[in-house]
N, C-alpha and C. Protein backbone atom coordinates (compact mmCIF):
# COMPACT_ATOMS: atom_id res chain seq x y z
N ALA A 1 -6.29 -65.78 -35.09
CA ALA A 1 -7.52 -65.03 -34.85
C ALA A 1 -7.45 -64.37 -33.49
N SER A 2 -8.16 -63.26 -33.33
CA SER A 2 -8.11 -62.53 -32.07
C SER A 2 -8.73 -63.32 -30.92
N ASP A 3 -9.59 -64.31 -31.22
CA ASP A 3 -10.18 -65.13 -30.16
C ASP A 3 -9.14 -66.03 -29.49
N SER A 4 -7.99 -66.24 -30.15
CA SER A 4 -6.99 -67.13 -29.58
C SER A 4 -5.93 -66.36 -28.79
N ILE A 5 -6.14 -65.04 -28.61
CA ILE A 5 -5.20 -64.22 -27.84
C ILE A 5 -5.98 -63.47 -26.77
N LEU A 6 -5.50 -63.56 -25.54
CA LEU A 6 -6.09 -62.86 -24.42
C LEU A 6 -5.09 -61.83 -23.92
N VAL A 7 -5.46 -60.55 -23.92
CA VAL A 7 -4.61 -59.49 -23.41
C VAL A 7 -5.11 -59.13 -22.02
N ALA A 8 -4.22 -59.30 -21.02
CA ALA A 8 -4.61 -59.07 -19.63
C ALA A 8 -3.65 -58.09 -18.96
N PRO A 9 -4.12 -56.92 -18.58
CA PRO A 9 -3.26 -56.00 -17.82
C PRO A 9 -3.10 -56.51 -16.39
N LEU A 10 -2.03 -56.08 -15.74
CA LEU A 10 -1.79 -56.46 -14.34
C LEU A 10 -1.07 -55.32 -13.63
N PHE A 11 -1.77 -54.73 -12.65
CA PHE A 11 -1.16 -53.69 -11.82
C PHE A 11 -1.81 -53.75 -10.45
N GLY A 12 -1.15 -53.18 -9.47
CA GLY A 12 -1.54 -53.34 -8.08
C GLY A 12 -2.91 -52.84 -7.70
N ALA A 13 -3.40 -51.77 -8.31
CA ALA A 13 -4.67 -51.17 -7.89
C ALA A 13 -5.87 -51.78 -8.60
N MET A 14 -5.70 -52.89 -9.31
CA MET A 14 -6.81 -53.50 -10.04
C MET A 14 -7.71 -54.28 -9.10
N ASP A 15 -8.92 -54.53 -9.58
CA ASP A 15 -9.84 -55.45 -8.92
C ASP A 15 -9.19 -56.82 -8.84
N LEU A 16 -9.42 -57.54 -7.77
CA LEU A 16 -8.84 -58.89 -7.64
C LEU A 16 -9.32 -59.82 -8.75
N LYS A 17 -10.57 -59.64 -9.18
CA LYS A 17 -11.12 -60.47 -10.26
C LYS A 17 -10.32 -60.26 -11.55
N ASP A 18 -9.99 -59.00 -11.84
CA ASP A 18 -9.22 -58.70 -13.04
C ASP A 18 -7.77 -59.18 -12.91
N GLN A 19 -7.20 -59.09 -11.69
CA GLN A 19 -5.86 -59.61 -11.46
C GLN A 19 -5.83 -61.12 -11.69
N ALA A 20 -6.89 -61.79 -11.25
CA ALA A 20 -6.96 -63.25 -11.42
C ALA A 20 -6.92 -63.63 -12.90
N LEU A 21 -7.54 -62.82 -13.75
CA LEU A 21 -7.52 -63.09 -15.19
C LEU A 21 -6.09 -63.11 -15.71
N ALA A 22 -5.24 -62.20 -15.20
CA ALA A 22 -3.85 -62.13 -15.64
C ALA A 22 -3.03 -63.29 -15.10
N VAL A 23 -3.37 -63.77 -13.91
CA VAL A 23 -2.56 -64.78 -13.24
C VAL A 23 -2.97 -66.21 -13.61
N GLU A 24 -4.25 -66.43 -13.83
CA GLU A 24 -4.75 -67.79 -14.11
C GLU A 24 -4.28 -68.30 -15.47
N THR A 25 -4.21 -69.60 -15.58
CA THR A 25 -3.85 -70.26 -16.84
C THR A 25 -4.97 -70.04 -17.85
N PRO A 26 -4.64 -69.62 -19.08
CA PRO A 26 -5.69 -69.39 -20.08
C PRO A 26 -6.27 -70.72 -20.57
N PRO A 27 -7.43 -70.67 -21.18
CA PRO A 27 -8.01 -71.89 -21.73
C PRO A 27 -7.09 -72.49 -22.80
N ASN A 28 -7.22 -73.77 -23.05
CA ASN A 28 -6.42 -74.44 -24.08
C ASN A 28 -6.57 -73.74 -25.42
N GLY A 29 -5.45 -73.56 -26.10
CA GLY A 29 -5.44 -72.94 -27.42
C GLY A 29 -5.44 -71.42 -27.38
N VAL A 30 -5.45 -70.83 -26.20
CA VAL A 30 -5.45 -69.37 -26.08
C VAL A 30 -4.10 -68.91 -25.54
N ARG A 31 -3.48 -67.97 -26.27
CA ARG A 31 -2.22 -67.37 -25.80
C ARG A 31 -2.57 -66.14 -24.99
N LYS A 32 -1.88 -65.96 -23.89
CA LYS A 32 -2.15 -64.82 -23.04
C LYS A 32 -0.97 -63.86 -23.07
N ILE A 33 -1.28 -62.57 -23.24
CA ILE A 33 -0.29 -61.51 -23.17
C ILE A 33 -0.61 -60.71 -21.91
N VAL A 34 0.34 -60.66 -20.97
CA VAL A 34 0.14 -59.92 -19.74
C VAL A 34 0.93 -58.62 -19.83
N LEU A 35 0.23 -57.50 -19.73
CA LEU A 35 0.86 -56.18 -19.72
C LEU A 35 0.97 -55.78 -18.26
N ALA A 36 2.19 -55.85 -17.71
CA ALA A 36 2.35 -55.71 -16.27
C ALA A 36 3.22 -54.53 -15.88
N THR A 37 2.88 -53.97 -14.73
CA THR A 37 3.73 -52.98 -14.09
C THR A 37 4.70 -53.74 -13.19
N ALA A 38 5.38 -53.02 -12.33
CA ALA A 38 6.37 -53.63 -11.45
C ALA A 38 5.76 -54.63 -10.48
N VAL A 39 4.44 -54.69 -10.38
CA VAL A 39 3.82 -55.68 -9.50
C VAL A 39 4.26 -57.09 -9.91
N ALA A 40 4.57 -57.28 -11.19
CA ALA A 40 4.98 -58.58 -11.68
C ALA A 40 6.40 -58.93 -11.24
N GLN A 41 7.16 -57.96 -10.73
CA GLN A 41 8.50 -58.23 -10.23
C GLN A 41 8.48 -58.78 -8.82
N THR A 42 7.35 -58.67 -8.15
CA THR A 42 7.27 -59.09 -6.76
C THR A 42 7.12 -60.60 -6.69
N SER A 43 6.55 -61.07 -5.63
CA SER A 43 6.51 -62.51 -5.39
C SER A 43 5.49 -63.27 -6.24
N ILE A 44 4.73 -62.57 -7.05
CA ILE A 44 3.71 -63.24 -7.86
C ILE A 44 4.37 -64.06 -8.97
N THR A 45 3.85 -65.25 -9.18
CA THR A 45 4.32 -66.09 -10.28
C THR A 45 3.14 -66.37 -11.20
N ILE A 46 3.34 -66.09 -12.47
CA ILE A 46 2.31 -66.36 -13.47
C ILE A 46 2.77 -67.59 -14.24
N GLU A 47 1.98 -68.63 -14.19
CA GLU A 47 2.32 -69.89 -14.86
C GLU A 47 2.44 -69.70 -16.36
N GLY A 48 3.42 -70.37 -16.95
CA GLY A 48 3.53 -70.44 -18.39
C GLY A 48 4.15 -69.23 -19.07
N VAL A 49 4.78 -68.33 -18.32
CA VAL A 49 5.41 -67.17 -18.95
C VAL A 49 6.64 -67.66 -19.70
N THR A 50 6.66 -67.43 -20.99
CA THR A 50 7.80 -67.88 -21.79
C THR A 50 8.57 -66.73 -22.41
N ILE A 51 7.97 -65.55 -22.46
CA ILE A 51 8.65 -64.38 -23.02
C ILE A 51 8.38 -63.18 -22.11
N VAL A 52 9.43 -62.47 -21.77
CA VAL A 52 9.32 -61.20 -21.06
C VAL A 52 9.93 -60.14 -21.95
N ILE A 53 9.18 -59.07 -22.21
CA ILE A 53 9.71 -57.94 -22.96
C ILE A 53 9.87 -56.80 -21.95
N ASP A 54 11.11 -56.35 -21.77
CA ASP A 54 11.45 -55.37 -20.74
C ASP A 54 11.82 -54.04 -21.39
N SER A 55 11.11 -52.99 -21.00
CA SER A 55 11.40 -51.65 -21.51
C SER A 55 12.65 -51.06 -20.88
N GLY A 56 13.06 -51.59 -19.72
CA GLY A 56 14.21 -51.04 -19.01
C GLY A 56 13.87 -49.79 -18.23
N LEU A 57 12.59 -49.50 -18.10
CA LEU A 57 12.15 -48.31 -17.39
C LEU A 57 11.26 -48.69 -16.22
N SER A 58 11.20 -47.78 -15.27
CA SER A 58 10.37 -47.98 -14.09
C SER A 58 9.82 -46.64 -13.63
N ARG A 59 8.63 -46.66 -13.04
CA ARG A 59 8.05 -45.44 -12.45
C ARG A 59 8.28 -45.52 -10.96
N GLU A 60 8.95 -44.49 -10.41
CA GLU A 60 9.25 -44.47 -8.99
C GLU A 60 8.71 -43.20 -8.36
N ALA A 61 8.28 -43.35 -7.12
CA ALA A 61 7.86 -42.19 -6.34
C ALA A 61 9.10 -41.48 -5.83
N VAL A 62 9.19 -40.19 -6.12
CA VAL A 62 10.34 -39.39 -5.71
C VAL A 62 9.83 -38.18 -4.95
N PHE A 63 10.36 -37.95 -3.76
CA PHE A 63 9.94 -36.81 -2.95
C PHE A 63 10.66 -35.56 -3.44
N GLU A 64 9.89 -34.49 -3.65
CA GLU A 64 10.42 -33.20 -4.06
C GLU A 64 10.42 -32.27 -2.84
N PRO A 65 11.56 -32.15 -2.14
CA PRO A 65 11.59 -31.34 -0.91
C PRO A 65 11.18 -29.89 -1.13
N ARG A 66 11.55 -29.35 -2.28
CA ARG A 66 11.24 -27.93 -2.56
C ARG A 66 9.74 -27.66 -2.53
N PHE A 67 8.95 -28.64 -3.03
CA PHE A 67 7.51 -28.48 -3.10
C PHE A 67 6.77 -29.29 -2.04
N GLN A 68 7.53 -30.04 -1.21
CA GLN A 68 6.94 -30.88 -0.16
C GLN A 68 5.89 -31.83 -0.72
N THR A 69 6.20 -32.45 -1.86
CA THR A 69 5.27 -33.38 -2.48
C THR A 69 6.03 -34.52 -3.12
N THR A 70 5.32 -35.61 -3.36
CA THR A 70 5.89 -36.77 -4.02
C THR A 70 5.32 -36.85 -5.43
N ARG A 71 6.19 -37.14 -6.41
CA ARG A 71 5.74 -37.28 -7.79
C ARG A 71 6.30 -38.56 -8.37
N LEU A 72 5.67 -39.04 -9.42
CA LEU A 72 6.17 -40.21 -10.12
C LEU A 72 7.17 -39.76 -11.18
N GLN A 73 8.27 -40.49 -11.26
CA GLN A 73 9.32 -40.17 -12.23
C GLN A 73 9.68 -41.46 -12.96
N THR A 74 9.85 -41.37 -14.28
CA THR A 74 10.29 -42.53 -15.06
C THR A 74 11.80 -42.56 -15.05
N VAL A 75 12.37 -43.70 -14.62
CA VAL A 75 13.82 -43.84 -14.51
C VAL A 75 14.24 -45.17 -15.15
N LYS A 76 15.52 -45.25 -15.48
CA LYS A 76 16.06 -46.52 -15.96
C LYS A 76 16.18 -47.48 -14.78
N VAL A 77 15.97 -48.75 -15.06
CA VAL A 77 16.07 -49.76 -14.00
C VAL A 77 17.53 -50.03 -13.66
N SER A 78 17.74 -50.70 -12.55
CA SER A 78 19.09 -51.12 -12.19
C SER A 78 19.39 -52.47 -12.83
N GLN A 79 20.66 -52.86 -12.80
CA GLN A 79 21.04 -54.18 -13.31
C GLN A 79 20.30 -55.28 -12.55
N ALA A 80 20.17 -55.11 -11.24
CA ALA A 80 19.48 -56.12 -10.42
C ALA A 80 18.02 -56.26 -10.84
N THR A 81 17.35 -55.15 -11.09
CA THR A 81 15.95 -55.19 -11.50
C THR A 81 15.82 -55.83 -12.88
N ALA A 82 16.73 -55.49 -13.80
CA ALA A 82 16.70 -56.09 -15.14
C ALA A 82 16.87 -57.60 -15.05
N GLU A 83 17.76 -58.05 -14.17
CA GLU A 83 17.95 -59.50 -14.00
C GLU A 83 16.72 -60.15 -13.40
N GLN A 84 16.12 -59.48 -12.44
CA GLN A 84 14.91 -60.02 -11.81
C GLN A 84 13.79 -60.13 -12.83
N ARG A 85 13.62 -59.11 -13.65
CA ARG A 85 12.59 -59.15 -14.69
C ARG A 85 12.86 -60.28 -15.68
N ALA A 86 14.12 -60.43 -16.09
CA ALA A 86 14.47 -61.48 -17.05
C ALA A 86 14.18 -62.85 -16.44
N GLY A 87 14.37 -62.98 -15.14
CA GLY A 87 14.12 -64.24 -14.47
C GLY A 87 12.68 -64.67 -14.46
N ARG A 88 11.77 -63.75 -14.76
CA ARG A 88 10.34 -64.10 -14.83
C ARG A 88 10.05 -64.97 -16.04
N ALA A 89 10.86 -64.83 -17.10
CA ALA A 89 10.70 -65.69 -18.28
C ALA A 89 11.37 -67.00 -17.96
N GLY A 90 10.67 -68.06 -18.15
CA GLY A 90 11.28 -69.36 -17.92
C GLY A 90 11.24 -69.79 -16.46
N ARG A 91 10.47 -69.12 -15.66
CA ARG A 91 10.38 -69.49 -14.24
C ARG A 91 9.69 -70.84 -14.08
N THR A 92 8.65 -71.07 -14.88
CA THR A 92 7.91 -72.33 -14.78
C THR A 92 8.00 -73.16 -16.06
N ALA A 93 8.61 -72.59 -17.10
CA ALA A 93 8.77 -73.29 -18.38
C ALA A 93 9.93 -72.60 -19.11
N PRO A 94 10.52 -73.23 -20.12
CA PRO A 94 11.60 -72.57 -20.85
C PRO A 94 11.13 -71.21 -21.38
N GLY A 95 12.03 -70.21 -21.32
CA GLY A 95 11.63 -68.88 -21.76
C GLY A 95 12.79 -68.00 -22.15
N VAL A 96 12.47 -66.79 -22.61
CA VAL A 96 13.47 -65.84 -23.06
C VAL A 96 13.04 -64.43 -22.63
N ALA A 97 14.03 -63.59 -22.35
CA ALA A 97 13.77 -62.18 -22.03
C ALA A 97 14.30 -61.33 -23.18
N ILE A 98 13.47 -60.41 -23.63
CA ILE A 98 13.85 -59.48 -24.70
C ILE A 98 13.95 -58.09 -24.08
N ARG A 99 15.14 -57.53 -24.11
CA ARG A 99 15.35 -56.20 -23.55
C ARG A 99 15.31 -55.18 -24.68
N LEU A 100 14.57 -54.11 -24.46
CA LEU A 100 14.41 -53.08 -25.49
C LEU A 100 15.51 -52.03 -25.39
N TRP A 101 16.74 -52.50 -25.20
CA TRP A 101 17.91 -51.63 -25.20
C TRP A 101 19.11 -52.47 -25.61
N HIS A 102 20.16 -51.82 -26.01
CA HIS A 102 21.38 -52.51 -26.42
C HIS A 102 22.02 -53.16 -25.20
N GLU A 103 22.41 -54.40 -25.32
CA GLU A 103 22.95 -55.14 -24.17
C GLU A 103 24.16 -54.45 -23.55
N GLY A 104 24.93 -53.72 -24.35
CA GLY A 104 26.07 -52.98 -23.81
C GLY A 104 25.66 -51.91 -22.82
N GLN A 105 24.43 -51.41 -22.93
CA GLN A 105 23.94 -50.39 -22.01
C GLN A 105 23.68 -50.95 -20.61
N THR A 106 23.54 -52.25 -20.50
CA THR A 106 23.26 -52.86 -19.20
C THR A 106 24.38 -52.56 -18.22
N ARG A 107 25.63 -52.59 -18.68
CA ARG A 107 26.77 -52.32 -17.79
C ARG A 107 26.76 -50.89 -17.26
N ALA A 108 26.11 -49.98 -17.98
CA ALA A 108 26.05 -48.58 -17.53
C ALA A 108 24.94 -48.34 -16.51
N LEU A 109 24.05 -49.32 -16.34
CA LEU A 109 22.98 -49.17 -15.36
C LEU A 109 23.56 -49.28 -13.95
N PRO A 110 22.96 -48.62 -12.97
CA PRO A 110 23.43 -48.81 -11.60
C PRO A 110 23.26 -50.27 -11.20
N ALA A 111 24.13 -50.75 -10.33
CA ALA A 111 24.07 -52.16 -9.94
C ALA A 111 22.75 -52.48 -9.23
N PHE A 112 22.30 -51.59 -8.34
CA PHE A 112 21.08 -51.82 -7.56
C PHE A 112 20.26 -50.54 -7.51
N ASP A 113 18.97 -50.69 -7.22
CA ASP A 113 18.11 -49.52 -7.00
C ASP A 113 18.52 -48.86 -5.69
N PRO A 114 18.47 -47.52 -5.64
CA PRO A 114 18.77 -46.87 -4.37
C PRO A 114 17.70 -47.22 -3.34
N PRO A 115 18.06 -47.29 -2.07
CA PRO A 115 17.06 -47.59 -1.04
C PRO A 115 15.94 -46.55 -1.04
N GLU A 116 14.73 -46.99 -0.81
CA GLU A 116 13.58 -46.08 -0.83
C GLU A 116 13.73 -44.94 0.17
N ILE A 117 14.37 -45.20 1.30
CA ILE A 117 14.51 -44.19 2.34
C ILE A 117 15.34 -42.99 1.86
N GLU A 118 16.07 -43.16 0.76
CA GLU A 118 16.87 -42.06 0.22
C GLU A 118 16.07 -41.15 -0.71
N ARG A 119 14.87 -41.59 -1.12
CA ARG A 119 14.14 -40.79 -2.10
C ARG A 119 12.67 -40.55 -1.70
N THR A 120 12.34 -40.83 -0.45
CA THR A 120 10.96 -40.74 -0.03
C THR A 120 10.74 -39.60 0.96
N ASP A 121 9.50 -39.25 1.15
CA ASP A 121 9.10 -38.26 2.15
C ASP A 121 9.26 -38.89 3.53
N LEU A 122 10.09 -38.33 4.36
CA LEU A 122 10.39 -38.91 5.67
C LEU A 122 9.43 -38.47 6.77
N ARG A 123 8.46 -37.63 6.45
CA ARG A 123 7.55 -37.14 7.49
C ARG A 123 6.75 -38.27 8.12
N ARG A 124 6.21 -39.17 7.32
CA ARG A 124 5.43 -40.29 7.88
C ARG A 124 6.34 -41.19 8.72
N PHE A 125 7.55 -41.42 8.26
CA PHE A 125 8.52 -42.21 9.02
C PHE A 125 8.78 -41.58 10.38
N LEU A 126 9.03 -40.27 10.41
CA LEU A 126 9.28 -39.58 11.67
C LEU A 126 8.06 -39.60 12.59
N LEU A 127 6.90 -39.44 12.01
CA LEU A 127 5.67 -39.48 12.81
C LEU A 127 5.48 -40.87 13.41
N ASP A 128 5.71 -41.92 12.62
CA ASP A 128 5.61 -43.29 13.13
C ASP A 128 6.64 -43.53 14.23
N CYS A 129 7.84 -43.03 14.04
CA CYS A 129 8.88 -43.17 15.08
C CYS A 129 8.41 -42.54 16.39
N ALA A 130 7.83 -41.34 16.29
CA ALA A 130 7.34 -40.65 17.49
C ALA A 130 6.22 -41.44 18.16
N ILE A 131 5.35 -42.04 17.37
CA ILE A 131 4.27 -42.88 17.92
C ILE A 131 4.86 -44.05 18.70
N TRP A 132 5.94 -44.62 18.19
CA TRP A 132 6.59 -45.76 18.85
C TRP A 132 7.48 -45.33 20.01
N GLY A 133 7.65 -44.00 20.18
CA GLY A 133 8.47 -43.50 21.27
C GLY A 133 9.92 -43.26 20.90
N ALA A 134 10.25 -43.36 19.64
CA ALA A 134 11.63 -43.14 19.18
C ALA A 134 11.75 -41.70 18.68
N THR A 135 12.19 -40.79 19.56
CA THR A 135 12.30 -39.40 19.17
C THR A 135 13.58 -39.12 18.39
N ASP A 136 14.52 -40.07 18.41
CA ASP A 136 15.77 -39.91 17.66
C ASP A 136 15.91 -41.08 16.68
N PRO A 137 15.38 -40.94 15.46
CA PRO A 137 15.41 -42.06 14.51
C PRO A 137 16.83 -42.47 14.10
N THR A 138 17.82 -41.59 14.33
CA THR A 138 19.19 -41.95 13.97
C THR A 138 19.73 -43.02 14.92
N SER A 139 19.07 -43.24 16.05
CA SER A 139 19.51 -44.27 16.99
C SER A 139 18.96 -45.66 16.63
N LEU A 140 18.05 -45.71 15.67
CA LEU A 140 17.47 -46.98 15.26
C LEU A 140 18.45 -47.77 14.38
N PRO A 141 18.46 -49.10 14.50
CA PRO A 141 19.39 -49.92 13.69
C PRO A 141 18.83 -50.16 12.28
N LEU A 142 18.84 -49.12 11.46
CA LEU A 142 18.31 -49.20 10.10
C LEU A 142 19.37 -49.78 9.16
N LEU A 143 18.91 -50.51 8.16
CA LEU A 143 19.84 -51.02 7.15
C LEU A 143 20.44 -49.87 6.35
N ASP A 144 19.61 -48.90 6.02
CA ASP A 144 20.06 -47.72 5.27
C ASP A 144 19.64 -46.49 6.06
N ARG A 145 20.55 -45.55 6.17
CA ARG A 145 20.31 -44.33 6.94
C ARG A 145 19.78 -43.23 6.02
N PRO A 146 18.74 -42.55 6.46
CA PRO A 146 18.29 -41.39 5.68
C PRO A 146 19.27 -40.24 5.83
N ALA A 147 19.29 -39.35 4.87
CA ALA A 147 20.18 -38.19 4.91
C ALA A 147 19.79 -37.28 6.06
N SER A 148 20.78 -36.75 6.76
CA SER A 148 20.53 -35.87 7.91
C SER A 148 19.70 -34.66 7.51
N ALA A 149 20.02 -34.07 6.36
CA ALA A 149 19.28 -32.89 5.90
C ALA A 149 17.82 -33.23 5.64
N ALA A 150 17.54 -34.40 5.09
CA ALA A 150 16.16 -34.81 4.82
C ALA A 150 15.41 -35.04 6.13
N LEU A 151 16.09 -35.63 7.12
CA LEU A 151 15.46 -35.83 8.43
C LEU A 151 15.14 -34.49 9.08
N LEU A 152 16.08 -33.57 9.02
CA LEU A 152 15.88 -32.25 9.62
C LEU A 152 14.71 -31.53 8.96
N GLN A 153 14.65 -31.58 7.63
CA GLN A 153 13.57 -30.93 6.90
C GLN A 153 12.22 -31.57 7.25
N ALA A 154 12.18 -32.89 7.36
CA ALA A 154 10.94 -33.58 7.72
C ALA A 154 10.52 -33.20 9.13
N HIS A 155 11.48 -33.14 10.04
CA HIS A 155 11.18 -32.75 11.43
C HIS A 155 10.62 -31.34 11.48
N GLU A 156 11.26 -30.40 10.79
CA GLU A 156 10.79 -29.01 10.77
C GLU A 156 9.38 -28.90 10.20
N SER A 157 9.10 -29.67 9.16
CA SER A 157 7.77 -29.65 8.55
C SER A 157 6.72 -30.17 9.53
N LEU A 158 7.04 -31.25 10.26
CA LEU A 158 6.09 -31.81 11.22
C LEU A 158 5.86 -30.87 12.40
N VAL A 159 6.89 -30.14 12.79
CA VAL A 159 6.73 -29.13 13.86
C VAL A 159 5.80 -28.03 13.35
N GLN A 160 5.99 -27.58 12.12
CA GLN A 160 5.13 -26.53 11.55
C GLN A 160 3.68 -26.99 11.44
N LEU A 161 3.48 -28.28 11.13
CA LEU A 161 2.12 -28.83 11.04
C LEU A 161 1.49 -29.03 12.42
N GLY A 162 2.31 -28.95 13.47
CA GLY A 162 1.81 -29.16 14.83
C GLY A 162 1.78 -30.61 15.23
N ALA A 163 2.40 -31.50 14.45
CA ALA A 163 2.37 -32.93 14.73
C ALA A 163 3.44 -33.36 15.72
N LEU A 164 4.56 -32.63 15.77
CA LEU A 164 5.66 -32.94 16.68
C LEU A 164 6.07 -31.68 17.43
N SER A 165 6.59 -31.91 18.63
CA SER A 165 7.22 -30.80 19.37
C SER A 165 8.64 -30.63 18.84
N GLN A 166 9.31 -29.56 19.24
CA GLN A 166 10.71 -29.35 18.82
C GLN A 166 11.58 -30.53 19.26
N ALA A 167 11.25 -31.15 20.38
CA ALA A 167 12.03 -32.28 20.89
C ALA A 167 11.69 -33.60 20.19
N GLY A 168 10.75 -33.57 19.25
CA GLY A 168 10.38 -34.77 18.50
C GLY A 168 9.28 -35.59 19.16
N GLN A 169 8.64 -35.04 20.18
CA GLN A 169 7.53 -35.73 20.86
C GLN A 169 6.25 -35.59 20.04
N LEU A 170 5.45 -36.63 20.04
CA LEU A 170 4.17 -36.62 19.36
C LEU A 170 3.20 -35.68 20.09
N THR A 171 2.51 -34.83 19.35
CA THR A 171 1.53 -33.92 19.94
C THR A 171 0.13 -34.52 19.79
N SER A 172 -0.85 -33.88 20.40
CA SER A 172 -2.24 -34.35 20.24
C SER A 172 -2.68 -34.23 18.79
N VAL A 173 -2.23 -33.17 18.12
CA VAL A 173 -2.54 -33.01 16.68
C VAL A 173 -1.88 -34.14 15.89
N GLY A 174 -0.64 -34.48 16.24
CA GLY A 174 0.08 -35.56 15.57
C GLY A 174 -0.64 -36.89 15.69
N LYS A 175 -1.22 -37.15 16.88
CA LYS A 175 -1.98 -38.40 17.09
C LYS A 175 -3.18 -38.47 16.16
N ILE A 176 -3.83 -37.33 15.99
CA ILE A 176 -5.03 -37.30 15.13
C ILE A 176 -4.64 -37.48 13.66
N ILE A 177 -3.68 -36.69 13.17
CA ILE A 177 -3.37 -36.76 11.73
C ILE A 177 -2.67 -38.06 11.35
N ALA A 178 -2.04 -38.71 12.33
CA ALA A 178 -1.40 -40.01 12.04
C ALA A 178 -2.42 -41.06 11.64
N ASN A 179 -3.66 -40.89 12.08
CA ASN A 179 -4.72 -41.87 11.80
C ASN A 179 -5.55 -41.53 10.57
N ILE A 180 -5.22 -40.44 9.91
CA ILE A 180 -5.96 -40.04 8.71
C ILE A 180 -5.17 -40.50 7.48
N PRO A 181 -5.78 -41.33 6.64
CA PRO A 181 -5.05 -41.89 5.49
C PRO A 181 -4.91 -40.91 4.32
N LEU A 182 -4.22 -39.81 4.61
CA LEU A 182 -3.95 -38.80 3.59
C LEU A 182 -2.50 -38.35 3.75
N PRO A 183 -1.93 -37.70 2.75
CA PRO A 183 -0.63 -37.08 2.97
C PRO A 183 -0.73 -36.16 4.19
N LEU A 184 0.32 -36.12 4.98
CA LEU A 184 0.27 -35.41 6.26
C LEU A 184 -0.18 -33.95 6.16
N PRO A 185 0.30 -33.16 5.19
CA PRO A 185 -0.19 -31.78 5.12
C PRO A 185 -1.70 -31.70 4.92
N LEU A 186 -2.26 -32.59 4.11
CA LEU A 186 -3.71 -32.59 3.90
C LEU A 186 -4.43 -33.05 5.16
N ALA A 187 -3.88 -34.04 5.85
CA ALA A 187 -4.48 -34.51 7.07
C ALA A 187 -4.49 -33.42 8.14
N ALA A 188 -3.42 -32.64 8.19
CA ALA A 188 -3.35 -31.54 9.17
C ALA A 188 -4.40 -30.50 8.85
């Protein structure tokens, strides 16, 4: 009967009360189905998960330099992400992961997800660096280095917005727009 099944969505922008419904143990005799985004891959543990069904897809924010905007793109997951998702089944009880693709395709997936710094808008990063006094972000000991061309384009865009000087110094306009919680062009 439908009374014995609870369907609970789980995504980051939900009300905490609704998130709790997905995370809490269901009443006795009720099976819970959690429809989750990548938030379920993070440190959250949902008790009693025995089956994970993985589409093998993920929505990622990708910066489009040509249009100076970020868009969501559906991409195949990496092998590491697929393993992490599978590990959610059986974390607190015996479980199984069902992948909605042929197992042979797993070897064709990239081993790991590319670092976010390779696919993100670097303008906020550069503005934060300038706030901290680091006018040359290439001198920072980063685990992954952003592409030189992407850094140059981000720098030029911030100069055009009036947020940075040519030397990479924070301007008075940059101080103001850094505190506005909007994409930098809109804040400017």
